[in-house]
Amino acid sequence: MNYTIYVIFDCFEGKREAFVEKVKAEGLVDAIRAEDGCVRYDFYFSEKDKNQILLIEEWESKEKQQIHVNQPHMAIFREIKKDYIGNTTLGEFEIK
């Protein structure tokens, strides 16, 4: 069974689209999607909150997701977040 998590990013005012464009322009989204075990890595914009992004990550296993977190390009991702994201909430899906 795959391991799926959600991440909710609360962006600084007016920074939502710019954040996604920045991580794409830096090649981070492509690098993450190319990682071993990545099944899905997709951003969704909230219709209700113009400053919120939902990220769905699906991995072949929790172990592969944990390896992902420690990749060098994730350090770049975390640095970029500082300029765009005020709060991050994570959770796991239980898919049966």
N, C-alpha and C. Protein backbone atom coordinates (compact mmCIF):
# COMPACT_ATOMS: atom_id res chain seq x y z
N MET A 1 0.84 -1.18 0.00
CA MET A 1 0.00 0.00 0.00
C MET A 1 0.88 1.25 0.00
N ASN A 2 0.54 2.20 -0.84
CA ASN A 2 1.31 3.44 -0.92
C ASN A 2 1.10 4.30 0.32
N TYR A 3 2.04 5.18 0.55
CA TYR A 3 2.01 6.11 1.67
C TYR A 3 1.67 7.50 1.12
N THR A 4 0.59 8.11 1.62
CA THR A 4 0.13 9.40 1.10
C THR A 4 0.00 10.39 2.24
N ILE A 5 0.55 11.58 2.02
CA ILE A 5 0.42 12.66 3.00
C ILE A 5 -0.14 13.90 2.32
N TYR A 6 -0.66 14.79 3.15
CA TYR A 6 -1.06 16.10 2.65
C TYR A 6 -0.28 17.16 3.41
N VAL A 7 -0.02 18.26 2.73
CA VAL A 7 0.66 19.40 3.33
C VAL A 7 -0.17 20.63 2.96
N ILE A 8 -0.54 21.40 3.98
CA ILE A 8 -1.25 22.65 3.74
C ILE A 8 -0.27 23.78 4.00
N PHE A 9 -0.05 24.59 2.97
CA PHE A 9 0.81 25.76 3.09
C PHE A 9 -0.07 27.00 3.20
N ASP A 10 0.11 27.76 4.26
CA ASP A 10 -0.53 29.06 4.39
C ASP A 10 0.50 30.10 3.97
N CYS A 11 0.28 30.65 2.78
CA CYS A 11 1.25 31.56 2.18
C CYS A 11 1.06 32.98 2.71
N PHE A 12 2.15 33.74 2.62
CA PHE A 12 2.03 35.16 2.90
C PHE A 12 1.10 35.78 1.87
N GLU A 13 0.46 36.85 2.23
CA GLU A 13 -0.53 37.52 1.37
C GLU A 13 0.01 37.72 -0.05
N GLY A 14 -0.74 37.18 -1.01
CA GLY A 14 -0.41 37.36 -2.42
C GLY A 14 0.77 36.57 -2.93
N LYS A 15 1.28 35.62 -2.16
CA LYS A 15 2.50 34.88 -2.54
C LYS A 15 2.23 33.46 -3.03
N ARG A 16 0.98 33.04 -3.06
CA ARG A 16 0.65 31.64 -3.37
C ARG A 16 1.19 31.21 -4.73
N GLU A 17 0.77 31.88 -5.78
CA GLU A 17 1.18 31.48 -7.13
C GLU A 17 2.68 31.64 -7.32
N ALA A 18 3.24 32.70 -6.73
CA ALA A 18 4.68 32.95 -6.87
C ALA A 18 5.49 31.83 -6.24
N PHE A 19 5.02 31.27 -5.12
CA PHE A 19 5.73 30.16 -4.48
C PHE A 19 5.79 28.95 -5.41
N VAL A 20 4.67 28.57 -5.95
CA VAL A 20 4.64 27.39 -6.83
C VAL A 20 5.50 27.64 -8.07
N GLU A 21 5.41 28.83 -8.63
CA GLU A 21 6.23 29.15 -9.80
C GLU A 21 7.72 29.11 -9.47
N LYS A 22 8.09 29.58 -8.29
CA LYS A 22 9.50 29.58 -7.88
C LYS A 22 10.03 28.16 -7.73
N VAL A 23 9.31 27.29 -7.04
CA VAL A 23 9.83 25.92 -6.87
C VAL A 23 9.86 25.17 -8.20
N LYS A 24 8.92 25.49 -9.10
CA LYS A 24 8.97 24.89 -10.43
C LYS A 24 10.16 25.42 -11.22
N ALA A 25 10.37 26.74 -11.18
CA ALA A 25 11.47 27.36 -11.94
C ALA A 25 12.83 26.86 -11.46
N GLU A 26 12.94 26.55 -10.18
CA GLU A 26 14.20 26.04 -9.62
C GLU A 26 14.41 24.56 -9.95
N GLY A 27 13.43 23.94 -10.58
CA GLY A 27 13.54 22.53 -10.95
C GLY A 27 13.24 21.57 -9.81
N LEU A 28 12.72 22.09 -8.71
CA LEU A 28 12.49 21.25 -7.54
C LEU A 28 11.33 20.29 -7.73
N VAL A 29 10.28 20.72 -8.36
CA VAL A 29 9.13 19.84 -8.57
C VAL A 29 9.53 18.67 -9.46
N ASP A 30 10.25 18.95 -10.53
CA ASP A 30 10.71 17.88 -11.41
C ASP A 30 11.66 16.93 -10.69
N ALA A 31 12.54 17.49 -9.86
CA ALA A 31 13.49 16.66 -9.12
C ALA A 31 12.76 15.74 -8.14
N ILE A 32 11.76 16.28 -7.46
CA ILE A 32 10.99 15.48 -6.50
C ILE A 32 10.22 14.38 -7.23
N ARG A 33 9.55 14.75 -8.31
CA ARG A 33 8.77 13.75 -9.05
C ARG A 33 9.65 12.65 -9.64
N ALA A 34 10.93 12.94 -9.86
CA ALA A 34 11.86 11.95 -10.42
C ALA A 34 12.48 11.05 -9.34
N GLU A 35 12.23 11.36 -8.08
CA GLU A 35 12.80 10.56 -7.00
C GLU A 35 12.25 9.14 -7.02
N ASP A 36 13.08 8.21 -6.59
CA ASP A 36 12.67 6.82 -6.48
C ASP A 36 11.51 6.71 -5.50
N GLY A 37 10.42 6.15 -5.94
CA GLY A 37 9.27 5.93 -5.06
C GLY A 37 8.20 6.98 -5.11
N CYS A 38 8.44 8.09 -5.82
CA CYS A 38 7.42 9.14 -5.91
C CYS A 38 6.34 8.73 -6.91
N VAL A 39 5.11 8.66 -6.42
CA VAL A 39 3.97 8.30 -7.26
C VAL A 39 3.24 9.56 -7.70
N ARG A 40 3.09 10.50 -6.75
CA ARG A 40 2.36 11.74 -7.06
C ARG A 40 2.88 12.84 -6.16
N TYR A 41 3.01 14.04 -6.75
CA TYR A 41 3.43 15.24 -6.02
C TYR A 41 2.74 16.41 -6.71
N ASP A 42 1.57 16.80 -6.18
CA ASP A 42 0.73 17.78 -6.87
C ASP A 42 0.25 18.88 -5.93
N PHE A 43 0.30 20.11 -6.44
CA PHE A 43 -0.20 21.28 -5.72
C PHE A 43 -1.62 21.59 -6.16
N TYR A 44 -2.45 22.04 -5.20
CA TYR A 44 -3.83 22.46 -5.49
C TYR A 44 -4.07 23.78 -4.78
N PHE A 45 -4.68 24.72 -5.48
CA PHE A 45 -5.01 26.01 -4.90
C PHE A 45 -6.40 25.96 -4.29
N SER A 46 -6.51 26.49 -3.07
CA SER A 46 -7.80 26.57 -2.40
C SER A 46 -8.69 27.59 -3.09
N GLU A 47 -9.93 27.22 -3.34
CA GLU A 47 -10.90 28.17 -3.90
C GLU A 47 -11.38 29.11 -2.80
N LYS A 48 -11.42 28.62 -1.58
CA LYS A 48 -11.93 29.39 -0.44
C LYS A 48 -10.91 30.39 0.11
N ASP A 49 -9.64 29.98 0.17
CA ASP A 49 -8.59 30.82 0.77
C ASP A 49 -7.53 31.12 -0.28
N LYS A 50 -7.45 32.35 -0.72
CA LYS A 50 -6.55 32.73 -1.82
C LYS A 50 -5.06 32.66 -1.45
N ASN A 51 -4.77 32.36 -0.19
CA ASN A 51 -3.38 32.25 0.24
C ASN A 51 -2.99 30.83 0.66
N GLN A 52 -3.83 29.87 0.35
CA GLN A 52 -3.59 28.50 0.79
C GLN A 52 -3.34 27.55 -0.38
N ILE A 53 -2.39 26.64 -0.16
CA ILE A 53 -2.06 25.60 -1.12
C ILE A 53 -2.17 24.25 -0.41
N LEU A 54 -2.72 23.29 -1.11
CA LEU A 54 -2.72 21.91 -0.65
C LEU A 54 -1.75 21.13 -1.52
N LEU A 55 -0.86 20.41 -0.89
CA LEU A 55 0.07 19.53 -1.60
C LEU A 55 -0.28 18.10 -1.23
N ILE A 56 -0.45 17.26 -2.24
CA ILE A 56 -0.66 15.83 -2.04
C ILE A 56 0.61 15.11 -2.50
N GLU A 57 1.18 14.34 -1.59
CA GLU A 57 2.36 13.53 -1.90
C GLU A 57 1.99 12.07 -1.74
N GLU A 58 2.26 11.29 -2.76
CA GLU A 58 2.04 9.85 -2.67
C GLU A 58 3.35 9.15 -3.01
N TRP A 59 3.74 8.24 -2.12
CA TRP A 59 5.01 7.52 -2.23
C TRP A 59 4.76 6.02 -2.17
N GLU A 60 5.66 5.26 -2.73
CA GLU A 60 5.54 3.80 -2.69
C GLU A 60 5.59 3.27 -1.26
N SER A 61 6.26 4.01 -0.36
CA SER A 61 6.36 3.61 1.05
C SER A 61 6.72 4.81 1.90
N LYS A 62 6.47 4.69 3.20
CA LYS A 62 6.85 5.75 4.13
C LYS A 62 8.37 5.92 4.14
N GLU A 63 9.09 4.83 4.00
CA GLU A 63 10.55 4.88 3.98
C GLU A 63 11.06 5.73 2.82
N LYS A 64 10.45 5.58 1.65
CA LYS A 64 10.89 6.36 0.49
C LYS A 64 10.54 7.84 0.67
N GLN A 65 9.41 8.12 1.33
CA GLN A 65 9.06 9.52 1.62
C GLN A 65 10.08 10.12 2.59
N GLN A 66 10.52 9.34 3.56
CA GLN A 66 11.50 9.83 4.53
C GLN A 66 12.86 10.08 3.87
N ILE A 67 13.23 9.26 2.91
CA ILE A 67 14.46 9.50 2.15
C ILE A 67 14.32 10.80 1.38
N HIS A 68 13.15 11.03 0.80
CA HIS A 68 12.86 12.26 0.05
C HIS A 68 13.13 13.50 0.89
N VAL A 69 12.69 13.50 2.13
CA VAL A 69 12.81 14.67 3.01
C VAL A 69 14.28 15.08 3.18
N ASN A 70 15.18 14.14 3.09
CA ASN A 70 16.59 14.41 3.33
C ASN A 70 17.41 14.63 2.06
N GLN A 71 16.75 14.75 0.91
CA GLN A 71 17.47 15.00 -0.34
C GLN A 71 18.01 16.43 -0.37
N PRO A 72 19.16 16.66 -1.02
CA PRO A 72 19.74 18.02 -1.07
C PRO A 72 18.78 19.07 -1.63
N HIS A 73 17.96 18.71 -2.62
CA HIS A 73 17.06 19.71 -3.19
C HIS A 73 15.96 20.12 -2.21
N MET A 74 15.72 19.30 -1.19
CA MET A 74 14.72 19.68 -0.18
C MET A 74 15.25 20.79 0.73
N ALA A 75 16.55 20.88 0.91
CA ALA A 75 17.12 22.01 1.66
C ALA A 75 16.86 23.32 0.92
N ILE A 76 16.94 23.27 -0.40
CA ILE A 76 16.63 24.45 -1.22
C ILE A 76 15.14 24.79 -1.09
N PHE A 77 14.31 23.77 -1.15
CA PHE A 77 12.86 23.95 -0.99
C PHE A 77 12.55 24.65 0.33
N ARG A 78 13.18 24.19 1.42
CA ARG A 78 12.93 24.79 2.73
C ARG A 78 13.39 26.24 2.79
N GLU A 79 14.49 26.56 2.13
CA GLU A 79 14.96 27.95 2.09
C GLU A 79 13.98 28.85 1.33
N ILE A 80 13.48 28.37 0.21
CA ILE A 80 12.50 29.12 -0.58
C ILE A 80 11.24 29.38 0.24
N LYS A 81 10.80 28.37 0.98
CA LYS A 81 9.58 28.50 1.80
C LYS A 81 9.63 29.71 2.72
N LYS A 82 10.79 30.05 3.24
CA LYS A 82 10.91 31.15 4.19
C LYS A 82 10.37 32.47 3.64
N ASP A 83 10.46 32.66 2.34
CA ASP A 83 10.01 33.91 1.71
C ASP A 83 8.54 33.89 1.31
N TYR A 84 7.89 32.73 1.37
CA TYR A 84 6.53 32.61 0.84
C TYR A 84 5.51 32.01 1.81
N ILE A 85 5.97 31.21 2.76
CA ILE A 85 5.06 30.40 3.58
C ILE A 85 5.14 30.83 5.05
N GLY A 86 3.96 31.11 5.63
CA GLY A 86 3.91 31.47 7.04
C GLY A 86 3.70 30.28 7.95
N ASN A 87 2.92 29.30 7.48
CA ASN A 87 2.60 28.14 8.32
C ASN A 87 2.44 26.91 7.44
N THR A 88 2.87 25.78 7.97
CA THR A 88 2.75 24.50 7.26
C THR A 88 2.10 23.48 8.17
N THR A 89 1.08 22.77 7.65
CA THR A 89 0.40 21.72 8.38
C THR A 89 0.53 20.44 7.59
N LEU A 90 0.93 19.35 8.26
CA LEU A 90 1.09 18.06 7.60
C LEU A 90 0.16 17.04 8.20
N GLY A 91 -0.24 16.08 7.39
CA GLY A 91 -1.05 14.98 7.88
C GLY A 91 -0.94 13.79 6.96
N GLU A 92 -1.35 12.64 7.45
CA GLU A 92 -1.32 11.41 6.68
C GLU A 92 -2.73 11.01 6.27
N PHE A 93 -2.83 10.41 5.11
CA PHE A 93 -4.08 9.81 4.66
C PHE A 93 -4.04 8.34 5.00
N GLU A 94 -5.15 7.80 5.39
CA GLU A 94 -5.25 6.36 5.52
C GLU A 94 -6.19 5.89 4.43
N ILE A 95 -5.60 5.25 3.42
CA ILE A 95 -6.40 4.78 2.28
C ILE A 95 -6.58 3.28 2.41
N LYS A 96 -7.83 2.88 2.36
CA LYS A 96 -8.12 1.45 2.52
C LYS A 96 -8.59 0.85 1.23
